[in-house]
PDB file of N, CA and C in Angstrom:
ATOM      1  N   MET A   1     -31.822   6.057  28.412  1.00  0.00           N
ATOM      2  CA  MET A   1     -31.024   4.849  28.583  1.00  0.00           C
ATOM      3  C   MET A   1     -31.664   3.711  27.794  1.00  0.00           C
ATOM      4  N   PRO A   2     -30.901   3.039  26.965  1.00  0.00           N
ATOM      5  CA  PRO A   2     -31.467   1.962  26.141  1.00  0.00           C
ATOM      6  C   PRO A   2     -31.941   0.781  26.993  1.00  0.00           C
ATOM      7  N   SER A   3     -33.014   0.179  26.546  1.00  0.00           N
ATOM      8  CA  SER A   3     -33.551  -0.968  27.261  1.00  0.00           C
ATOM      9  C   SER A   3     -32.713  -2.217  26.966  1.00  0.00           C
ATOM     10  N   LYS A   4     -32.922  -3.239  27.779  1.00  0.00           N
ATOM     11  CA  LYS A   4     -32.193  -4.504  27.583  1.00  0.00           C
ATOM     12  C   LYS A   4     -32.533  -5.106  26.222  1.00  0.00           C
ATOM     13  N   LYS A   5     -33.801  -5.025  25.835  1.00  0.00           N
ATOM     14  CA  LYS A   5     -34.232  -5.545  24.532  1.00  0.00           C
ATOM     15  C   LYS A   5     -33.545  -4.779  23.403  1.00  0.00           C
ATOM     16  N   GLN A   6     -33.463  -3.469  23.556  1.00  0.00           N
ATOM     17  CA  GLN A   6     -32.822  -2.622  22.547  1.00  0.00           C
ATOM     18  C   GLN A   6     -31.327  -2.956  22.447  1.00  0.00           C
ATOM     19  N   ASN A   7     -30.682  -3.178  23.598  1.00  0.00           N
ATOM     20  CA  ASN A   7     -29.265  -3.550  23.604  1.00  0.00           C
ATOM     21  C   ASN A   7     -29.045  -4.889  22.914  1.00  0.00           C
ATOM     22  N   LEU A   8     -29.922  -5.856  23.169  1.00  0.00           N
ATOM     23  CA  LEU A   8     -29.803  -7.166  22.528  1.00  0.00           C
ATOM     24  C   LEU A   8     -29.989  -7.058  21.019  1.00  0.00           C
ATOM     25  N   GLN A   9     -30.939  -6.233  20.598  1.00  0.00           N
ATOM     26  CA  GLN A   9     -31.177  -6.029  19.171  1.00  0.00           C
ATOM     27  C   GLN A   9     -29.956  -5.387  18.509  1.00  0.00           C
ATOM     28  N   GLU A  10     -29.368  -4.407  19.180  1.00  0.00           N
ATOM     29  CA  GLU A  10     -28.178  -3.757  18.642  1.00  0.00           C
ATOM     30  C   GLU A  10     -27.008  -4.723  18.550  1.00  0.00           C
ATOM     31  N   LYS A  11     -26.857  -5.595  19.553  1.00  0.00           N
ATOM     32  CA  LYS A  11     -25.784  -6.589  19.532  1.00  0.00           C
ATOM     33  C   LYS A  11     -26.010  -7.569  18.385  1.00  0.00           C
ATOM     34  N   LYS A  12     -27.254  -7.992  18.197  1.00  0.00           N
ATOM     35  CA  LYS A  12     -27.590  -8.907  17.107  1.00  0.00           C
ATOM     36  C   LYS A  12     -27.267  -8.263  15.759  1.00  0.00           C
ATOM     37  N   GLU A  13     -27.667  -7.032  15.570  1.00  0.00           N
ATOM     38  CA  GLU A  13     -27.391  -6.318  14.323  1.00  0.00           C
ATOM     39  C   GLU A  13     -25.892  -6.151  14.105  1.00  0.00           C
ATOM     40  N   SER A  14     -25.159  -5.900  15.156  1.00  0.00           N
ATOM     41  CA  SER A  14     -23.712  -5.744  15.061  1.00  0.00           C
ATOM     42  C   SER A  14     -23.054  -7.056  14.613  1.00  0.00           C
ATOM     43  N   GLU A  15     -23.501  -8.177  15.168  1.00  0.00           N
ATOM     44  CA  GLU A  15     -22.949  -9.478  14.795  1.00  0.00           C
ATOM     45  C   GLU A  15     -23.257  -9.798  13.326  1.00  0.00           C
ATOM     46  N   ILE A  16     -24.457  -9.505  12.895  1.00  0.00           N
ATOM     47  CA  ILE A  16     -24.832  -9.747  11.501  1.00  0.00           C
ATOM     48  C   ILE A  16     -24.014  -8.853  10.576  1.00  0.00           C
ATOM     49  N   ASN A  17     -23.862  -7.590  10.936  1.00  0.00           N
ATOM     50  CA  ASN A  17     -23.049  -6.684  10.122  1.00  0.00           C
ATOM     51  C   ASN A  17     -21.607  -7.156  10.045  1.00  0.00           C
ATOM     52  N   SER A  18     -21.100  -7.649  11.148  1.00  0.00           N
ATOM     53  CA  SER A  18     -19.731  -8.164  11.162  1.00  0.00           C
ATOM     54  C   SER A  18     -19.594  -9.328  10.183  1.00  0.00           C
ATOM     55  N   ALA A  19     -20.573 -10.209  10.180  1.00  0.00           N
ATOM     56  CA  ALA A  19     -20.543 -11.354   9.258  1.00  0.00           C
ATOM     57  C   ALA A  19     -20.569 -10.881   7.808  1.00  0.00           C
ATOM     58  N   TRP A  20     -21.434  -9.953   7.506  1.00  0.00           N
ATOM     59  CA  TRP A  20     -21.526  -9.476   6.117  1.00  0.00           C
ATOM     60  C   TRP A  20     -20.273  -8.740   5.687  1.00  0.00           C
ATOM     61  N   ASN A  21     -19.635  -8.030   6.619  1.00  0.00           N
ATOM     62  CA  ASN A  21     -18.408  -7.305   6.283  1.00  0.00           C
ATOM     63  C   ASN A  21     -17.273  -8.249   5.916  1.00  0.00           C
ATOM     64  N   LEU A  22     -17.346  -9.491   6.342  1.00  0.00           N
ATOM     65  CA  LEU A  22     -16.291 -10.457   6.035  1.00  0.00           C
ATOM     66  C   LEU A  22     -16.419 -11.049   4.629  1.00  0.00           C
ATOM     67  N   TRP A  23     -17.562 -10.852   3.964  1.00  0.00           N
ATOM     68  CA  TRP A  23     -17.750 -11.441   2.632  1.00  0.00           C
ATOM     69  C   TRP A  23     -16.687 -10.979   1.640  1.00  0.00           C
ATOM     70  N   GLU A  24     -16.360  -9.709   1.680  1.00  0.00           N
ATOM     71  CA  GLU A  24     -15.354  -9.195   0.753  1.00  0.00           C
ATOM     72  C   GLU A  24     -14.021  -9.909   0.964  1.00  0.00           C
ATOM     73  N   MET A  25     -13.657 -10.113   2.217  1.00  0.00           N
ATOM     74  CA  MET A  25     -12.406 -10.817   2.500  1.00  0.00           C
ATOM     75  C   MET A  25     -12.485 -12.277   2.057  1.00  0.00           C
ATOM     76  N   ILE A  26     -13.647 -12.882   2.174  1.00  0.00           N
ATOM     77  CA  ILE A  26     -13.805 -14.283   1.731  1.00  0.00           C
ATOM     78  C   ILE A  26     -13.599 -14.371   0.229  1.00  0.00           C
ATOM     79  N   LEU A  27     -14.223 -13.488  -0.503  1.00  0.00           N
ATOM     80  CA  LEU A  27     -14.078 -13.529  -1.955  1.00  0.00           C
ATOM     81  C   LEU A  27     -12.623 -13.327  -2.356  1.00  0.00           C
ATOM     82  N   TYR A  28     -11.952 -12.409  -1.705  1.00  0.00           N
ATOM     83  CA  TYR A  28     -10.542 -12.173  -2.005  1.00  0.00           C
ATOM     84  C   TYR A  28      -9.721 -13.437  -1.716  1.00  0.00           C
ATOM     85  N   SER A  29      -9.959 -14.048  -0.560  1.00  0.00           N
ATOM     86  CA  SER A  29      -9.222 -15.268  -0.191  1.00  0.00           C
ATOM     87  C   SER A  29      -9.508 -16.389  -1.176  1.00  0.00           C
ATOM     88  N   LYS A  30     -10.762 -16.520  -1.564  1.00  0.00           N
ATOM     89  CA  LYS A  30     -11.141 -17.589  -2.500  1.00  0.00           C
ATOM     90  C   LYS A  30     -10.474 -17.370  -3.859  1.00  0.00           C
ATOM     91  N   LEU A  31     -10.505 -16.154  -4.326  1.00  0.00           N
ATOM     92  CA  LEU A  31      -9.944 -15.864  -5.636  1.00  0.00           C
ATOM     93  C   LEU A  31      -8.418 -15.947  -5.637  1.00  0.00           C
ATOM     94  N   GLU A  32      -7.802 -15.680  -4.507  1.00  0.00           N
ATOM     95  CA  GLU A  32      -6.344 -15.727  -4.417  1.00  0.00           C
ATOM     96  C   GLU A  32      -5.849 -17.131  -4.039  1.00  0.00           C
ATOM     97  N   GLY A  33      -6.770 -18.053  -3.767  1.00  0.00           N
ATOM     98  CA  GLY A  33      -6.382 -19.421  -3.438  1.00  0.00           C
ATOM     99  C   GLY A  33      -5.881 -19.595  -2.013  1.00  0.00           C
ATOM    100  N   ASP A  34      -6.221 -18.674  -1.138  1.00  0.00           N
ATOM    101  CA  ASP A  34      -5.790 -18.735   0.262  1.00  0.00           C
ATOM    102  C   ASP A  34      -6.779 -19.577   1.051  1.00  0.00           C
ATOM    103  N   ARG A  35      -6.595 -20.893   1.027  1.00  0.00           N
ATOM    104  CA  ARG A  35      -7.550 -21.802   1.660  1.00  0.00           C
ATOM    105  C   ARG A  35      -7.591 -21.614   3.175  1.00  0.00           C
ATOM    106  N   TYR A  36      -6.430 -21.429   3.824  1.00  0.00           N
ATOM    107  CA  TYR A  36      -6.427 -21.253   5.283  1.00  0.00           C
ATOM    108  C   TYR A  36      -7.221 -20.014   5.676  1.00  0.00           C
ATOM    109  N   GLY A  37      -6.969 -18.900   4.981  1.00  0.00           N
ATOM    110  CA  GLY A  37      -7.689 -17.668   5.278  1.00  0.00           C
ATOM    111  C   GLY A  37      -9.172 -17.802   5.031  1.00  0.00           C
ATOM    112  N   LEU A  38      -9.523 -18.506   3.967  1.00  0.00           N
ATOM    113  CA  LEU A  38     -10.930 -18.716   3.635  1.00  0.00           C
ATOM    114  C   LEU A  38     -11.636 -19.507   4.726  1.00  0.00           C
ATOM    115  N   ASP A  39     -11.028 -20.598   5.168  1.00  0.00           N
ATOM    116  CA  ASP A  39     -11.631 -21.407   6.232  1.00  0.00           C
ATOM    117  C   ASP A  39     -11.832 -20.595   7.508  1.00  0.00           C
ATOM    118  N   TYR A  40     -10.820 -19.790   7.853  1.00  0.00           N
ATOM    119  CA  TYR A  40     -10.919 -18.955   9.042  1.00  0.00           C
ATOM    120  C   TYR A  40     -12.075 -17.965   8.917  1.00  0.00           C
ATOM    121  N   LEU A  41     -12.174 -17.313   7.766  1.00  0.00           N
ATOM    122  CA  LEU A  41     -13.231 -16.322   7.572  1.00  0.00           C
ATOM    123  C   LEU A  41     -14.612 -16.962   7.615  1.00  0.00           C
ATOM    124  N   ILE A  42     -14.750 -18.146   7.023  1.00  0.00           N
ATOM    125  CA  ILE A  42     -16.038 -18.847   7.060  1.00  0.00           C
ATOM    126  C   ILE A  42     -16.423 -19.150   8.507  1.00  0.00           C
ATOM    127  N   GLU A  43     -15.476 -19.653   9.283  1.00  0.00           N
ATOM    128  CA  GLU A  43     -15.761 -19.954  10.691  1.00  0.00           C
ATOM    129  C   GLU A  43     -16.122 -18.692  11.458  1.00  0.00           C
ATOM    130  N   GLN A  44     -15.473 -17.581  11.146  1.00  0.00           N
ATOM    131  CA  GLN A  44     -15.778 -16.320  11.824  1.00  0.00           C
ATOM    132  C   GLN A  44     -17.191 -15.856  11.492  1.00  0.00           C
ATOM    133  N   ILE A  45     -17.591 -15.990  10.235  1.00  0.00           N
ATOM    134  CA  ILE A  45     -18.956 -15.610   9.853  1.00  0.00           C
ATOM    135  C   ILE A  45     -19.970 -16.498  10.558  1.00  0.00           C
ATOM    136  N   ILE A  46     -19.711 -17.801  10.594  1.00  0.00           N
ATOM    137  CA  ILE A  46     -20.621 -18.718  11.279  1.00  0.00           C
ATOM    138  C   ILE A  46     -20.729 -18.343  12.755  1.00  0.00           C
ATOM    139  N   HIS A  47     -19.605 -18.000  13.357  1.00  0.00           N
ATOM    140  CA  HIS A  47     -19.610 -17.569  14.762  1.00  0.00           C
ATOM    141  C   HIS A  47     -20.455 -16.306  14.938  1.00  0.00           C
ATOM    142  N   ASP A  48     -20.263 -15.328  14.048  1.00  0.00           N
ATOM    143  CA  ASP A  48     -21.022 -14.082  14.146  1.00  0.00           C
ATOM    144  C   ASP A  48     -22.514 -14.327  13.980  1.00  0.00           C
ATOM    145  N   LEU A  49     -22.879 -15.152  13.009  1.00  0.00           N
ATOM    146  CA  LEU A  49     -24.302 -15.455  12.802  1.00  0.00           C
ATOM    147  C   LEU A  49     -24.865 -16.238  13.980  1.00  0.00           C
ATOM    148  N   SER A  50     -24.074 -17.143  14.536  1.00  0.00           N
ATOM    149  CA  SER A  50     -24.497 -17.912  15.699  1.00  0.00           C
ATOM    150  C   SER A  50     -24.710 -16.975  16.895  1.00  0.00           C
ATOM    151  N   SER A  51     -23.817 -16.009  17.056  1.00  0.00           N
ATOM    152  CA  SER A  51     -23.956 -15.035  18.143  1.00  0.00           C
ATOM    153  C   SER A  51     -25.212 -14.197  17.973  1.00  0.00           C
ATOM    154  N   ALA A  52     -25.656 -14.056  16.732  1.00  0.00           N
ATOM    155  CA  ALA A  52     -26.880 -13.289  16.450  1.00  0.00           C
ATOM    156  C   ALA A  52     -28.125 -14.160  16.569  1.00  0.00           C
ATOM    157  N   GLY A  53     -27.942 -15.463  16.858  1.00  0.00           N
ATOM    158  CA  GLY A  53     -29.088 -16.327  17.101  1.00  0.00           C
ATOM    159  C   GLY A  53     -29.349 -17.391  16.059  1.00  0.00           C
ATOM    160  N   LEU A  54     -28.582 -17.453  14.985  1.00  0.00           N
ATOM    161  CA  LEU A  54     -28.780 -18.475  13.956  1.00  0.00           C
ATOM    162  C   LEU A  54     -28.041 -19.740  14.378  1.00  0.00           C
ATOM    163  N   PRO A  55     -28.718 -20.893  14.423  1.00  0.00           N
ATOM    164  CA  PRO A  55     -28.030 -22.126  14.813  1.00  0.00           C
ATOM    165  C   PRO A  55     -26.821 -22.392  13.907  1.00  0.00           C
ATOM    166  N   LYS A  56     -25.741 -22.940  14.495  1.00  0.00           N
ATOM    167  CA  LYS A  56     -24.496 -23.122  13.749  1.00  0.00           C
ATOM    168  C   LYS A  56     -24.673 -23.967  12.495  1.00  0.00           C
ATOM    169  N   LYS A  57     -25.461 -25.038  12.577  1.00  0.00           N
ATOM    170  CA  LYS A  57     -25.642 -25.898  11.402  1.00  0.00           C
ATOM    171  C   LYS A  57     -26.305 -25.114  10.272  1.00  0.00           C
ATOM    172  N   LYS A  58     -27.351 -24.359  10.592  1.00  0.00           N
ATOM    173  CA  LYS A  58     -28.014 -23.532   9.580  1.00  0.00           C
ATOM    174  C   LYS A  58     -27.074 -22.454   9.073  1.00  0.00           C
ATOM    175  N   GLY A  59     -26.272 -21.889   9.972  1.00  0.00           N
ATOM    176  CA  GLY A  59     -25.308 -20.865   9.580  1.00  0.00           C
ATOM    177  C   GLY A  59     -24.292 -21.414   8.599  1.00  0.00           C
ATOM    178  N   ARG A  60     -23.821 -22.615   8.827  1.00  0.00           N
ATOM    179  CA  ARG A  60     -22.828 -23.236   7.956  1.00  0.00           C
ATOM    180  C   ARG A  60     -23.413 -23.465   6.565  1.00  0.00           C
ATOM    181  N   VAL A  61     -24.642 -23.976   6.505  1.00  0.00           N
ATOM    182  CA  VAL A  61     -25.315 -24.206   5.223  1.00  0.00           C
ATOM    183  C   VAL A  61     -25.560 -22.873   4.515  1.00  0.00           C
ATOM    184  N   PHE A  62     -26.019 -21.888   5.252  1.00  0.00           N
ATOM    185  CA  PHE A  62     -26.280 -20.562   4.695  1.00  0.00           C
ATOM    186  C   PHE A  62     -25.017 -19.957   4.101  1.00  0.00           C
ATOM    187  N   VAL A  63     -23.916 -20.004   4.856  1.00  0.00           N
ATOM    188  CA  VAL A  63     -22.656 -19.430   4.391  1.00  0.00           C
ATOM    189  C   VAL A  63     -22.195 -20.129   3.122  1.00  0.00           C
ATOM    190  N   GLN A  64     -22.282 -21.456   3.093  1.00  0.00           N
ATOM    191  CA  GLN A  64     -21.832 -22.199   1.913  1.00  0.00           C
ATOM    192  C   GLN A  64     -22.686 -21.855   0.694  1.00  0.00           C
ATOM    193  N   GLN A  65     -24.000 -21.762   0.883  1.00  0.00           N
ATOM    194  CA  GLN A  65     -24.885 -21.420  -0.234  1.00  0.00           C
ATOM    195  C   GLN A  65     -24.581 -20.016  -0.755  1.00  0.00           C
ATOM    196  N   GLN A  66     -24.404 -19.069   0.157  1.00  0.00           N
ATOM    197  CA  GLN A  66     -24.115 -17.699  -0.254  1.00  0.00           C
ATOM    198  C   GLN A  66     -22.789 -17.615  -0.991  1.00  0.00           C
ATOM    199  N   MET A  67     -21.801 -18.323  -0.467  1.00  0.00           N
ATOM    200  CA  MET A  67     -20.483 -18.311  -1.093  1.00  0.00           C
ATOM    201  C   MET A  67     -20.545 -18.924  -2.493  1.00  0.00           C
ATOM    202  N   ASP A  68     -21.237 -20.049  -2.624  1.00  0.00           N
ATOM    203  CA  ASP A  68     -21.367 -20.688  -3.934  1.00  0.00           C
ATOM    204  C   ASP A  68     -22.053 -19.765  -4.939  1.00  0.00           C
ATOM    205  N   GLU A  69     -23.112 -19.092  -4.493  1.00  0.00           N
ATOM    206  CA  GLU A  69     -23.826 -18.166  -5.375  1.00  0.00           C
ATOM    207  C   GLU A  69     -22.933 -16.995  -5.793  1.00  0.00           C
ATOM    208  N   MET A  70     -22.165 -16.468  -4.849  1.00  0.00           N
ATOM    209  CA  MET A  70     -21.300 -15.334  -5.159  1.00  0.00           C
ATOM    210  C   MET A  70     -20.181 -15.738  -6.117  1.00  0.00           C
ATOM    211  N   ILE A  71     -19.625 -16.908  -5.915  1.00  0.00           N
ATOM    212  CA  ILE A  71     -18.557 -17.396  -6.785  1.00  0.00           C
ATOM    213  C   ILE A  71     -19.103 -17.633  -8.187  1.00  0.00           C
ATOM    214  N   GLU A  72     -20.283 -18.205  -8.288  1.00  0.00           N
ATOM    215  CA  GLU A  72     -20.903 -18.426  -9.595  1.00  0.00           C
ATOM    216  C   GLU A  72     -21.148 -17.091 -10.303  1.00  0.00           C
ATOM    217  N   GLN A  73     -21.591 -16.090  -9.554  1.00  0.00           N
ATOM    218  CA  GLN A  73     -21.818 -14.762 -10.139  1.00  0.00           C
ATOM    219  C   GLN A  73     -20.509 -14.168 -10.655  1.00  0.00           C
ATOM    220  N   ILE A  74     -19.445 -14.333  -9.901  1.00  0.00           N
ATOM    221  CA  ILE A  74     -18.127 -13.830 -10.342  1.00  0.00           C
ATOM    222  C   ILE A  74     -17.713 -14.531 -11.630  1.00  0.00           C
ATOM    223  N   ARG A  75     -17.896 -15.837 -11.698  1.00  0.00           N
ATOM    224  CA  ARG A  75     -17.546 -16.587 -12.913  1.00  0.00           C
ATOM    225  C   ARG A  75     -18.363 -16.108 -14.105  1.00  0.00           C
ATOM    226  N   GLU A  76     -19.657 -15.908 -13.891  1.00  0.00           N
ATOM    227  CA  GLU A  76     -20.517 -15.425 -14.969  1.00  0.00           C
ATOM    228  C   GLU A  76     -20.072 -14.041 -15.440  1.00  0.00           C
ATOM    229  N   ASN A  77     -19.710 -13.185 -14.497  1.00  0.00           N
ATOM    230  CA  ASN A  77     -19.242 -11.838 -14.852  1.00  0.00           C
ATOM    231  C   ASN A  77     -17.947 -11.902 -15.642  1.00  0.00           C
ATOM    232  N   LYS A  78     -17.032 -12.776 -15.253  1.00  0.00           N
ATOM    233  CA  LYS A  78     -15.772 -12.930 -15.989  1.00  0.00           C
ATOM    234  C   LYS A  78     -16.033 -13.404 -17.411  1.00  0.00           C
ATOM    235  N   LEU A  79     -16.934 -14.391 -17.563  1.00  0.00           N
ATOM    236  CA  LEU A  79     -17.270 -14.891 -18.902  1.00  0.00           C
ATOM    237  C   LEU A  79     -17.898 -13.796 -19.746  1.00  0.00           C
ATOM    238  N   ALA A  80     -18.784 -13.039 -19.151  1.00  0.00           N
ATOM    239  CA  ALA A  80     -19.439 -11.952 -19.883  1.00  0.00           C
ATOM    240  C   ALA A  80     -18.419 -10.913 -20.339  1.00  0.00           C
ATOM    241  N   ARG A  81     -17.448 -10.599 -19.500  1.00  0.00           N
ATOM    242  CA  ARG A  81     -16.408  -9.633 -19.884  1.00  0.00           C
ATOM    243  C   ARG A  81     -15.554 -10.183 -21.022  1.00  0.00           C
ATOM    244  N   LYS A  82     -15.251 -11.477 -20.964  1.00  0.00           N
ATOM    245  CA  LYS A  82     -14.446 -12.086 -22.038  1.00  0.00           C
ATOM    246  C   LYS A  82     -15.196 -12.029 -23.359  1.00  0.00           C
ATOM    247  N   ARG A  83     -16.493 -12.333 -23.323  1.00  0.00           N
ATOM    248  CA  ARG A  83     -17.303 -12.312 -24.548  1.00  0.00           C
ATOM    249  C   ARG A  83     -17.419 -10.899 -25.104  1.00  0.00           C
ATOM    250  N   ALA A  84     -17.534  -9.937 -24.204  1.00  0.00           N
ATOM    251  CA  ALA A  84     -17.716  -8.550 -24.620  1.00  0.00           C
ATOM    252  C   ALA A  84     -16.424  -7.914 -25.119  1.00  0.00           C
ATOM    253  N   GLY A  85     -15.310  -8.435 -24.634  1.00  0.00           N
ATOM    254  CA  GLY A  85     -14.179  -7.670 -24.970  1.00  0.00           C
ATOM    255  C   GLY A  85     -12.961  -8.172 -25.490  1.00  0.00           C
TER     256      GLY A  85
END
């Protein structure tokens, strides 16, 4: 039978995994211009990270930084493809 500590760790890992699984949907929403969907997904990730123990303010900053980095990477990849082809 799993211990209480083990159950809490599994719940924390599940919440973090849930947040990371939403990144693909965020990128799709951002690229398709779906602002409502994007805002919802960002709030859901912040909620998941908060449930895993990350303070909401830090979660919000973290999500924004990650999103900005991912969007910049997508732009760089698009430019590289244009130059190459």
